[in-house]
Amino acid sequence: KEDILSKDYLRALINITEQLIDEKGRAEYAQIRTNMNRKYSDFHPQNYGFKNFRALIQKFLPKMKKFEEE
């Protein structure tokens, strides 16, 4: 297991989140994950030491400065 998300994955998370917010006014975990899985079929949070997608997002949310959890 790795504990670090690649820059490509982090960039994709940010882009997907921004796109969803632009389209719907919010970005839900399930939709972000669905879009990540479409882009990267091998993307699994467990491969990076996280028990689920929400835990991964909560870890990287501070790096995504313009977003906040509701």
Protein backbone atom coordinates (compact mmCIF):
# COMPACT_ATOMS: atom_id res chain seq x y z
CA LYS A 1 0.00 0.00 0.00
CA GLU A 2 1.06 3.54 -0.69
CA ASP A 3 0.21 6.49 1.51
CA ILE A 4 0.64 9.17 -1.14
CA LEU A 5 -1.73 10.04 -3.93
CA SER A 6 -0.02 10.82 -7.23
CA LYS A 7 -0.11 14.39 -8.51
CA ASP A 8 -2.19 13.18 -11.47
CA TYR A 9 -4.83 11.70 -9.16
CA LEU A 10 -4.85 14.77 -6.93
CA ARG A 11 -5.16 17.06 -9.96
CA ALA A 12 -8.01 14.90 -11.29
CA LEU A 13 -9.80 15.04 -7.92
CA ILE A 14 -9.57 18.82 -7.95
CA ASN A 15 -10.73 19.11 -11.57
CA ILE A 16 -13.63 16.70 -11.07
CA THR A 17 -14.69 18.49 -7.89
CA GLU A 18 -14.54 21.90 -9.59
CA GLN A 19 -16.52 20.63 -12.57
CA LEU A 20 -19.25 19.16 -10.36
CA ILE A 21 -19.51 22.37 -8.35
CA ASP A 22 -19.76 24.40 -11.56
CA GLU A 23 -22.48 22.09 -12.92
CA LYS A 24 -24.49 21.33 -9.77
CA GLY A 25 -23.40 23.82 -7.14
CA ARG A 26 -21.92 21.00 -5.04
CA ALA A 27 -19.77 17.90 -5.33
CA GLU A 28 -20.92 14.75 -3.55
CA TYR A 29 -18.49 12.00 -2.56
CA ALA A 30 -20.31 9.38 -4.62
CA GLN A 31 -20.20 11.46 -7.79
CA ILE A 32 -16.54 12.40 -7.35
CA ARG A 33 -15.67 8.74 -6.87
CA THR A 34 -17.74 7.64 -9.87
CA ASN A 35 -15.97 10.18 -12.07
CA MET A 36 -12.56 9.14 -10.73
CA ASN A 37 -13.34 5.50 -11.46
CA ARG A 38 -14.38 6.40 -15.00
CA LYS A 39 -11.11 8.24 -15.56
CA TYR A 40 -8.91 5.75 -13.68
CA SER A 41 -10.42 2.27 -13.57
CA ASP A 42 -7.64 1.14 -11.22
CA PHE A 43 -8.29 3.91 -8.67
CA HIS A 44 -9.10 2.44 -5.25
CA PRO A 45 -8.64 4.43 -2.00
CA GLN A 46 -7.60 1.23 -0.21
CA ASN A 47 -4.45 1.15 -2.39
CA TYR A 48 -3.39 4.37 -0.67
CA GLY A 49 -4.05 3.31 2.89
CA PHE A 50 -7.59 4.68 3.23
CA LYS A 51 -10.54 2.61 4.37
CA ASN A 52 -12.91 4.42 1.99
CA PHE A 53 -13.20 7.29 -0.46
CA ARG A 54 -14.53 9.73 2.14
CA ALA A 55 -11.42 9.20 4.30
CA LEU A 56 -9.21 9.91 1.29
CA ILE A 57 -11.08 13.13 0.46
CA GLN A 58 -10.95 14.29 4.08
CA LYS A 59 -7.17 13.78 4.08
CA PHE A 60 -6.63 15.76 0.89
CA LEU A 61 -9.33 18.41 1.39
CA PRO A 62 -6.82 20.83 3.01
CA LYS A 63 -4.73 20.65 -0.19
CA MET A 64 -7.84 21.54 -2.14
CA LYS A 65 -8.01 24.95 -0.42
CA LYS A 66 -11.08 26.35 -2.10
CA PHE A 67 -13.28 23.44 -1.07
CA GLU A 68 -14.84 22.70 2.28
CA GLU A 69 -16.91 19.85 3.59
CA GLU A 70 -20.54 20.52 4.46
